[in-house]
Amino acid sequence: MKSLLHQLTLYNDWANQKIFSQFSQLQDKVPAASMHLLCHVLNSQTVWLGRITGKQSAVRPWDDHSLDVCREMQQQGHEILKNLTTAEVNLEQLISYKTFNGLPFENTIYDILVHVFNHSTYHRAQLAQDMRKNGLEPINTDYITFVR
């Protein structure tokens, strides 16, 4: 279980780094909606990892940031993910949290991590679709490309 989560941690970082690189090259040609989706991926990752680590997140799910801030958020999140997927962490530990609407929930660390990776992949696909809609060829962030 941990080795799969660690592999997904590496994949998540690789995919986000590919997008950072492409967005750096495109600069002001990056569609606003694509940047907004990238920010959402990193905001959500930050929020969920904060719930696991007990640190209140300063970001909201749909806040916008610069590419540099996104890179910093990814670096910090990647370090936490590496620790959670390689250290002696009980992945079945329940994490209690409240949604932004104040609703209380409990989920295991494992389920939260699976959600973070799945959520990121989902929105990276939306980002690719938005880039195509705006006449740009998105970078390939498929998992199979990562493992090749």
N, C-alpha and C. Protein backbone atom coordinates (compact mmCIF):
# COMPACT_ATOMS: atom_id res chain seq x y z
N MET A 1 0.83 -1.19 0.00
CA MET A 1 0.00 0.00 0.00
C MET A 1 0.88 1.26 0.00
N LYS A 2 1.89 1.27 0.86
CA LYS A 2 2.76 2.46 0.94
C LYS A 2 3.56 2.65 -0.33
N SER A 3 4.01 1.55 -0.94
CA SER A 3 4.82 1.71 -2.15
C SER A 3 3.98 2.31 -3.28
N LEU A 4 2.71 1.93 -3.38
CA LEU A 4 1.83 2.52 -4.38
C LEU A 4 1.64 4.01 -4.11
N LEU A 5 1.37 4.36 -2.87
CA LEU A 5 1.20 5.78 -2.53
C LEU A 5 2.48 6.57 -2.77
N HIS A 6 3.62 5.95 -2.51
CA HIS A 6 4.88 6.65 -2.77
C HIS A 6 5.06 6.85 -4.29
N GLN A 7 4.72 5.83 -5.08
CA GLN A 7 4.80 5.96 -6.53
C GLN A 7 3.87 7.08 -7.02
N LEU A 8 2.68 7.18 -6.45
CA LEU A 8 1.74 8.25 -6.82
C LEU A 8 2.26 9.61 -6.38
N THR A 9 2.98 9.65 -5.28
CA THR A 9 3.62 10.89 -4.83
C THR A 9 4.63 11.37 -5.87
N LEU A 10 5.44 10.45 -6.34
CA LEU A 10 6.45 10.79 -7.35
C LEU A 10 5.78 11.20 -8.66
N TYR A 11 4.74 10.48 -9.05
CA TYR A 11 4.00 10.82 -10.27
C TYR A 11 3.37 12.21 -10.16
N ASN A 12 2.72 12.49 -9.03
CA ASN A 12 2.06 13.78 -8.82
C ASN A 12 3.07 14.93 -8.96
N ASP A 13 4.24 14.76 -8.36
CA ASP A 13 5.26 15.80 -8.45
C ASP A 13 5.75 15.95 -9.89
N TRP A 14 6.02 14.83 -10.56
CA TRP A 14 6.47 14.85 -11.95
C TRP A 14 5.46 15.59 -12.84
N ALA A 15 4.17 15.24 -12.71
CA ALA A 15 3.14 15.86 -13.54
C ALA A 15 3.04 17.35 -13.28
N ASN A 16 3.05 17.75 -12.03
CA ASN A 16 2.97 19.18 -11.71
C ASN A 16 4.21 19.92 -12.20
N GLN A 17 5.38 19.31 -12.08
CA GLN A 17 6.61 19.94 -12.56
C GLN A 17 6.57 20.13 -14.08
N LYS A 18 6.01 19.16 -14.80
CA LYS A 18 5.88 19.29 -16.26
C LYS A 18 5.00 20.49 -16.61
N ILE A 19 3.91 20.66 -15.87
CA ILE A 19 3.02 21.79 -16.12
C ILE A 19 3.72 23.10 -15.78
N PHE A 20 4.44 23.15 -14.66
CA PHE A 20 5.19 24.36 -14.31
C PHE A 20 6.15 24.74 -15.44
N SER A 21 6.84 23.75 -15.97
CA SER A 21 7.79 24.01 -17.04
C SER A 21 7.09 24.57 -18.28
N GLN A 22 6.00 23.94 -18.67
CA GLN A 22 5.27 24.42 -19.84
C GLN A 22 4.72 25.82 -19.61
N PHE A 23 4.14 26.06 -18.45
CA PHE A 23 3.59 27.38 -18.16
C PHE A 23 4.68 28.45 -18.13
N SER A 24 5.87 28.09 -17.66
CA SER A 24 6.99 29.04 -17.67
C SER A 24 7.36 29.42 -19.09
N GLN A 25 7.32 28.46 -19.98
CA GLN A 25 7.65 28.72 -21.39
C GLN A 25 6.57 29.57 -22.06
N LEU A 26 5.31 29.28 -21.74
CA LEU A 26 4.20 30.00 -22.38
C LEU A 26 3.99 31.40 -21.82
N GLN A 27 4.36 31.59 -20.58
CA GLN A 27 4.21 32.86 -19.86
C GLN A 27 2.80 33.42 -19.99
N ASP A 28 2.63 34.58 -20.62
CA ASP A 28 1.32 35.23 -20.65
C ASP A 28 0.34 34.59 -21.63
N LYS A 29 0.76 33.55 -22.33
CA LYS A 29 -0.15 32.81 -23.22
C LYS A 29 -0.97 31.76 -22.47
N VAL A 30 -0.62 31.51 -21.19
CA VAL A 30 -1.36 30.53 -20.40
C VAL A 30 -2.77 31.05 -20.17
N PRO A 31 -3.78 30.28 -20.58
CA PRO A 31 -5.16 30.72 -20.35
C PRO A 31 -5.44 30.88 -18.85
N ALA A 32 -6.19 31.91 -18.51
CA ALA A 32 -6.51 32.18 -17.10
C ALA A 32 -7.18 30.99 -16.44
N ALA A 33 -8.07 30.32 -17.16
CA ALA A 33 -8.77 29.16 -16.58
C ALA A 33 -7.81 28.02 -16.30
N SER A 34 -6.80 27.84 -17.15
CA SER A 34 -5.80 26.79 -16.93
C SER A 34 -4.99 27.09 -15.67
N MET A 35 -4.58 28.33 -15.51
CA MET A 35 -3.83 28.72 -14.31
C MET A 35 -4.70 28.56 -13.07
N HIS A 36 -5.97 28.91 -13.19
CA HIS A 36 -6.91 28.78 -12.08
C HIS A 36 -7.03 27.32 -11.65
N LEU A 37 -7.07 26.42 -12.62
CA LEU A 37 -7.15 24.98 -12.31
C LEU A 37 -5.87 24.49 -11.64
N LEU A 38 -4.72 24.95 -12.12
CA LEU A 38 -3.46 24.56 -11.48
C LEU A 38 -3.43 25.04 -10.03
N CYS A 39 -3.87 26.27 -9.80
CA CYS A 39 -3.93 26.80 -8.43
C CYS A 39 -4.86 25.93 -7.58
N HIS A 40 -5.98 25.53 -8.14
CA HIS A 40 -6.93 24.70 -7.40
C HIS A 40 -6.31 23.36 -7.00
N VAL A 41 -5.57 22.75 -7.91
CA VAL A 41 -4.88 21.49 -7.59
C VAL A 41 -3.98 21.68 -6.38
N LEU A 42 -3.20 22.73 -6.38
CA LEU A 42 -2.24 22.95 -5.29
C LEU A 42 -2.90 23.44 -4.02
N ASN A 43 -3.92 24.26 -4.14
CA ASN A 43 -4.67 24.69 -2.96
C ASN A 43 -5.29 23.48 -2.26
N SER A 44 -5.93 22.63 -3.04
CA SER A 44 -6.60 21.46 -2.47
C SER A 44 -5.61 20.53 -1.81
N GLN A 45 -4.48 20.30 -2.49
CA GLN A 45 -3.43 19.46 -1.89
C GLN A 45 -2.99 20.05 -0.56
N THR A 46 -2.79 21.35 -0.52
CA THR A 46 -2.35 22.03 0.70
C THR A 46 -3.39 21.90 1.81
N VAL A 47 -4.65 22.07 1.47
CA VAL A 47 -5.73 21.96 2.46
C VAL A 47 -5.77 20.55 3.04
N TRP A 48 -5.77 19.55 2.16
CA TRP A 48 -5.86 18.16 2.64
C TRP A 48 -4.64 17.76 3.46
N LEU A 49 -3.45 18.15 3.04
CA LEU A 49 -2.26 17.80 3.81
C LEU A 49 -2.26 18.54 5.15
N GLY A 50 -2.80 19.74 5.17
CA GLY A 50 -2.95 20.46 6.44
C GLY A 50 -3.89 19.74 7.39
N ARG A 51 -4.93 19.14 6.86
CA ARG A 51 -5.85 18.38 7.70
C ARG A 51 -5.15 17.17 8.30
N ILE A 52 -4.31 16.52 7.51
CA ILE A 52 -3.58 15.35 8.01
C ILE A 52 -2.56 15.76 9.07
N THR A 53 -1.83 16.84 8.81
CA THR A 53 -0.75 17.25 9.72
C THR A 53 -1.23 18.13 10.86
N GLY A 54 -2.49 18.53 10.83
CA GLY A 54 -3.03 19.36 11.89
C GLY A 54 -2.67 20.83 11.77
N LYS A 55 -2.24 21.24 10.57
CA LYS A 55 -1.88 22.64 10.35
C LYS A 55 -2.98 23.32 9.55
N GLN A 56 -3.51 24.38 10.10
CA GLN A 56 -4.55 25.14 9.44
C GLN A 56 -4.01 25.74 8.15
N SER A 57 -4.71 25.53 7.07
CA SER A 57 -4.28 26.05 5.77
C SER A 57 -4.70 27.50 5.62
N ALA A 58 -3.79 28.30 5.05
CA ALA A 58 -4.11 29.71 4.80
C ALA A 58 -4.79 29.90 3.45
N VAL A 59 -4.86 28.86 2.64
CA VAL A 59 -5.46 28.98 1.32
C VAL A 59 -6.86 28.37 1.31
N ARG A 60 -7.64 28.86 0.37
CA ARG A 60 -8.97 28.31 0.10
C ARG A 60 -8.89 27.57 -1.22
N PRO A 61 -9.82 26.68 -1.49
CA PRO A 61 -9.72 25.83 -2.69
C PRO A 61 -9.58 26.57 -4.02
N TRP A 62 -10.18 27.71 -4.19
CA TRP A 62 -10.15 28.38 -5.49
C TRP A 62 -9.37 29.70 -5.49
N ASP A 63 -8.46 29.87 -4.53
CA ASP A 63 -7.59 31.04 -4.53
C ASP A 63 -6.66 31.00 -5.74
N ASP A 64 -6.31 32.17 -6.26
CA ASP A 64 -5.36 32.27 -7.36
C ASP A 64 -4.00 32.71 -6.84
N HIS A 65 -2.95 32.20 -7.51
CA HIS A 65 -1.57 32.50 -7.12
C HIS A 65 -0.72 32.66 -8.38
N SER A 66 0.47 33.15 -8.18
CA SER A 66 1.45 33.18 -9.26
C SER A 66 2.02 31.77 -9.46
N LEU A 67 2.68 31.57 -10.58
CA LEU A 67 3.32 30.28 -10.84
C LEU A 67 4.40 29.99 -9.80
N ASP A 68 5.12 31.01 -9.37
CA ASP A 68 6.15 30.81 -8.35
C ASP A 68 5.55 30.34 -7.03
N VAL A 69 4.43 30.91 -6.64
CA VAL A 69 3.77 30.48 -5.41
C VAL A 69 3.29 29.04 -5.56
N CYS A 70 2.76 28.70 -6.72
CA CYS A 70 2.33 27.32 -6.98
C CYS A 70 3.50 26.35 -6.85
N ARG A 71 4.64 26.72 -7.39
CA ARG A 71 5.84 25.87 -7.29
C ARG A 71 6.22 25.66 -5.83
N GLU A 72 6.17 26.72 -5.05
CA GLU A 72 6.51 26.62 -3.63
C GLU A 72 5.52 25.72 -2.89
N MET A 73 4.25 25.86 -3.21
CA MET A 73 3.23 25.01 -2.58
C MET A 73 3.47 23.54 -2.94
N GLN A 74 3.83 23.29 -4.20
CA GLN A 74 4.11 21.92 -4.63
C GLN A 74 5.32 21.35 -3.89
N GLN A 75 6.36 22.14 -3.77
CA GLN A 75 7.56 21.67 -3.07
C GLN A 75 7.25 21.31 -1.63
N GLN A 76 6.52 22.18 -0.95
CA GLN A 76 6.16 21.90 0.44
C GLN A 76 5.26 20.67 0.54
N GLY A 77 4.28 20.59 -0.34
CA GLY A 77 3.38 19.44 -0.33
C GLY A 77 4.09 18.14 -0.66
N HIS A 78 5.01 18.20 -1.60
CA HIS A 78 5.75 17.00 -1.99
C HIS A 78 6.56 16.46 -0.81
N GLU A 79 7.16 17.33 -0.04
CA GLU A 79 7.93 16.89 1.13
C GLU A 79 7.03 16.19 2.15
N ILE A 80 5.86 16.74 2.37
CA ILE A 80 4.90 16.12 3.31
C ILE A 80 4.45 14.77 2.76
N LEU A 81 4.11 14.72 1.47
CA LEU A 81 3.67 13.47 0.86
C LEU A 81 4.77 12.41 0.93
N LYS A 82 6.01 12.78 0.65
CA LYS A 82 7.11 11.81 0.74
C LYS A 82 7.20 11.25 2.15
N ASN A 83 7.07 12.11 3.14
CA ASN A 83 7.14 11.65 4.53
C ASN A 83 5.99 10.71 4.86
N LEU A 84 4.78 11.07 4.43
CA LEU A 84 3.61 10.24 4.73
C LEU A 84 3.68 8.88 4.03
N THR A 85 4.34 8.82 2.90
CA THR A 85 4.35 7.57 2.13
C THR A 85 5.63 6.76 2.29
N THR A 86 6.58 7.25 3.10
CA THR A 86 7.80 6.47 3.34
C THR A 86 8.08 6.25 4.82
N ALA A 87 7.62 7.12 5.69
CA ALA A 87 7.90 7.01 7.12
C ALA A 87 6.90 6.06 7.78
N GLU A 88 7.14 5.81 9.04
CA GLU A 88 6.25 4.96 9.83
C GLU A 88 5.00 5.75 10.20
N VAL A 89 4.05 5.78 9.27
CA VAL A 89 2.79 6.49 9.46
C VAL A 89 1.68 5.47 9.36
N ASN A 90 0.75 5.51 10.30
CA ASN A 90 -0.41 4.62 10.27
C ASN A 90 -1.42 5.16 9.27
N LEU A 91 -1.46 4.57 8.09
CA LEU A 91 -2.35 5.05 7.04
C LEU A 91 -3.82 4.82 7.35
N GLU A 92 -4.11 3.98 8.33
CA GLU A 92 -5.49 3.73 8.73
C GLU A 92 -5.96 4.69 9.83
N GLN A 93 -5.07 5.59 10.25
CA GLN A 93 -5.45 6.57 11.28
C GLN A 93 -6.56 7.46 10.74
N LEU A 94 -7.59 7.66 11.56
CA LEU A 94 -8.69 8.53 11.18
C LEU A 94 -8.31 9.99 11.43
N ILE A 95 -8.63 10.81 10.46
CA ILE A 95 -8.41 12.26 10.57
C ILE A 95 -9.79 12.92 10.63
N SER A 96 -10.02 13.67 11.69
CA SER A 96 -11.27 14.41 11.83
C SER A 96 -11.05 15.83 11.31
N TYR A 97 -11.99 16.33 10.56
CA TYR A 97 -11.87 17.66 9.98
C TYR A 97 -13.26 18.21 9.69
N LYS A 98 -13.29 19.48 9.38
CA LYS A 98 -14.52 20.12 8.94
C LYS A 98 -14.31 20.67 7.55
N THR A 99 -15.33 20.58 6.72
CA THR A 99 -15.27 21.17 5.39
C THR A 99 -15.33 22.68 5.53
N PHE A 100 -15.16 23.38 4.43
CA PHE A 100 -15.26 24.83 4.46
C PHE A 100 -16.68 25.29 4.79
N ASN A 101 -17.63 24.38 4.65
CA ASN A 101 -19.02 24.67 5.03
C ASN A 101 -19.30 24.32 6.48
N GLY A 102 -18.28 23.84 7.19
CA GLY A 102 -18.43 23.51 8.60
C GLY A 102 -18.94 22.12 8.90
N LEU A 103 -19.07 21.27 7.88
CA LEU A 103 -19.56 19.90 8.09
C LEU A 103 -18.42 19.01 8.59
N PRO A 104 -18.67 18.26 9.68
CA PRO A 104 -17.61 17.40 10.22
C PRO A 104 -17.55 16.05 9.48
N PHE A 105 -16.33 15.59 9.25
CA PHE A 105 -16.10 14.28 8.63
C PHE A 105 -14.88 13.63 9.24
N GLU A 106 -14.75 12.33 9.00
CA GLU A 106 -13.56 11.57 9.36
C GLU A 106 -13.21 10.66 8.20
N ASN A 107 -11.95 10.65 7.85
CA ASN A 107 -11.45 9.73 6.84
C ASN A 107 -10.06 9.26 7.24
N THR A 108 -9.65 8.11 6.71
CA THR A 108 -8.30 7.63 6.99
C THR A 108 -7.29 8.44 6.18
N ILE A 109 -6.06 8.43 6.66
CA ILE A 109 -4.99 9.08 5.91
C ILE A 109 -4.90 8.47 4.52
N TYR A 110 -5.01 7.16 4.44
CA TYR A 110 -4.95 6.48 3.14
C TYR A 110 -5.99 7.04 2.17
N ASP A 111 -7.23 7.11 2.62
CA ASP A 111 -8.30 7.59 1.74
C ASP A 111 -8.10 9.06 1.34
N ILE A 112 -7.59 9.85 2.25
CA ILE A 112 -7.32 11.25 1.92
C ILE A 112 -6.22 11.35 0.87
N LEU A 113 -5.17 10.55 1.02
CA LEU A 113 -4.08 10.59 0.04
C LEU A 113 -4.55 10.12 -1.33
N VAL A 114 -5.34 9.06 -1.37
CA VAL A 114 -5.88 8.60 -2.65
C VAL A 114 -6.72 9.70 -3.28
N HIS A 115 -7.51 10.38 -2.46
CA HIS A 115 -8.32 11.49 -2.96
C HIS A 115 -7.43 12.61 -3.53
N VAL A 116 -6.37 12.97 -2.82
CA VAL A 116 -5.48 14.04 -3.28
C VAL A 116 -4.92 13.71 -4.66
N PHE A 117 -4.44 12.49 -4.83
CA PHE A 117 -3.85 12.11 -6.13
C PHE A 117 -4.91 12.05 -7.22
N ASN A 118 -6.06 11.47 -6.92
CA ASN A 118 -7.13 11.37 -7.91
C ASN A 118 -7.67 12.76 -8.29
N HIS A 119 -7.86 13.59 -7.31
CA HIS A 119 -8.35 14.95 -7.52
C HIS A 119 -7.38 15.74 -8.41
N SER A 120 -6.10 15.60 -8.15
CA SER A 120 -5.09 16.31 -8.94
C SER A 120 -5.10 15.85 -10.39
N THR A 121 -5.19 14.55 -10.60
CA THR A 121 -5.23 14.02 -11.96
C THR A 121 -6.47 14.50 -12.70
N TYR A 122 -7.59 14.49 -12.02
CA TYR A 122 -8.85 14.94 -12.61
C TYR A 122 -8.74 16.39 -13.11
N HIS A 123 -8.22 17.26 -12.25
CA HIS A 123 -8.13 18.67 -12.64
C HIS A 123 -7.00 18.94 -13.63
N ARG A 124 -5.94 18.13 -13.61
CA ARG A 124 -4.93 18.29 -14.66
C ARG A 124 -5.52 17.95 -16.03
N ALA A 125 -6.45 16.99 -16.07
CA ALA A 125 -7.13 16.67 -17.32
C ALA A 125 -8.00 17.84 -17.78
N GLN A 126 -8.68 18.49 -16.85
CA GLN A 126 -9.47 19.67 -17.20
C GLN A 126 -8.56 20.78 -17.72
N LEU A 127 -7.42 20.92 -17.10
CA LEU A 127 -6.44 21.92 -17.52
C LEU A 127 -6.00 21.64 -18.96
N ALA A 128 -5.72 20.39 -19.27
CA ALA A 128 -5.31 20.02 -20.64
C ALA A 128 -6.43 20.33 -21.63
N GLN A 129 -7.64 20.04 -21.25
CA GLN A 129 -8.79 20.33 -22.12
C GLN A 129 -8.92 21.83 -22.36
N ASP A 130 -8.72 22.63 -21.32
CA ASP A 130 -8.80 24.08 -21.46
C ASP A 130 -7.69 24.60 -22.37
N MET A 131 -6.51 24.04 -22.25
CA MET A 131 -5.41 24.48 -23.11
C MET A 131 -5.75 24.20 -24.58
N ARG A 132 -6.25 23.00 -24.86
CA ARG A 132 -6.63 22.66 -26.23
C ARG A 132 -7.71 23.61 -26.76
N LYS A 133 -8.68 23.89 -25.90
CA LYS A 133 -9.76 24.80 -26.28
C LYS A 133 -9.22 26.18 -26.67
N ASN A 134 -8.07 26.53 -26.10
CA ASN A 134 -7.45 27.82 -26.37
C ASN A 134 -6.31 27.73 -27.39
N GLY A 135 -6.29 26.63 -28.16
CA GLY A 135 -5.33 26.50 -29.25
C GLY A 135 -3.92 26.13 -28.84
N LEU A 136 -3.74 25.63 -27.62
CA LEU A 136 -2.41 25.24 -27.13
C LEU A 136 -2.36 23.73 -26.94
N GLU A 137 -1.22 23.14 -27.21
CA GLU A 137 -1.05 21.70 -27.01
C GLU A 137 -0.61 21.46 -25.57
N PRO A 138 -1.43 20.77 -24.78
CA PRO A 138 -1.04 20.53 -23.38
C PRO A 138 0.09 19.51 -23.28
N ILE A 139 0.81 19.59 -22.21
CA ILE A 139 1.88 18.64 -21.93
C ILE A 139 1.24 17.30 -21.52
N ASN A 140 1.86 16.21 -21.91
CA ASN A 140 1.35 14.89 -21.55
C ASN A 140 1.73 14.56 -20.11
N THR A 141 0.74 14.45 -19.24
CA THR A 141 0.99 14.10 -17.84
C THR A 141 0.35 12.76 -17.49
N ASP A 142 0.16 11.89 -18.48
CA ASP A 142 -0.39 10.57 -18.22
C ASP A 142 0.55 9.76 -17.33
N TYR A 143 -0.03 8.98 -16.44
CA TYR A 143 0.77 8.14 -15.54
C TYR A 143 1.68 7.20 -16.33
N ILE A 144 1.15 6.62 -17.40
CA ILE A 144 1.95 5.66 -18.18
C ILE A 144 3.18 6.34 -18.77
N THR A 145 3.06 7.60 -19.13
CA THR A 145 4.21 8.34 -19.64
C THR A 145 5.26 8.50 -18.53
N PHE A 146 4.80 8.74 -17.33
CA PHE A 146 5.70 8.86 -16.17
C PHE A 146 6.47 7.56 -15.95
N VAL A 147 5.80 6.43 -15.98
CA VAL A 147 6.48 5.17 -15.67
C VAL A 147 7.35 4.66 -16.82
N ARG A 148 7.13 5.16 -18.01
CA ARG A 148 7.98 4.77 -19.14
C ARG A 148 9.36 5.35 -18.96
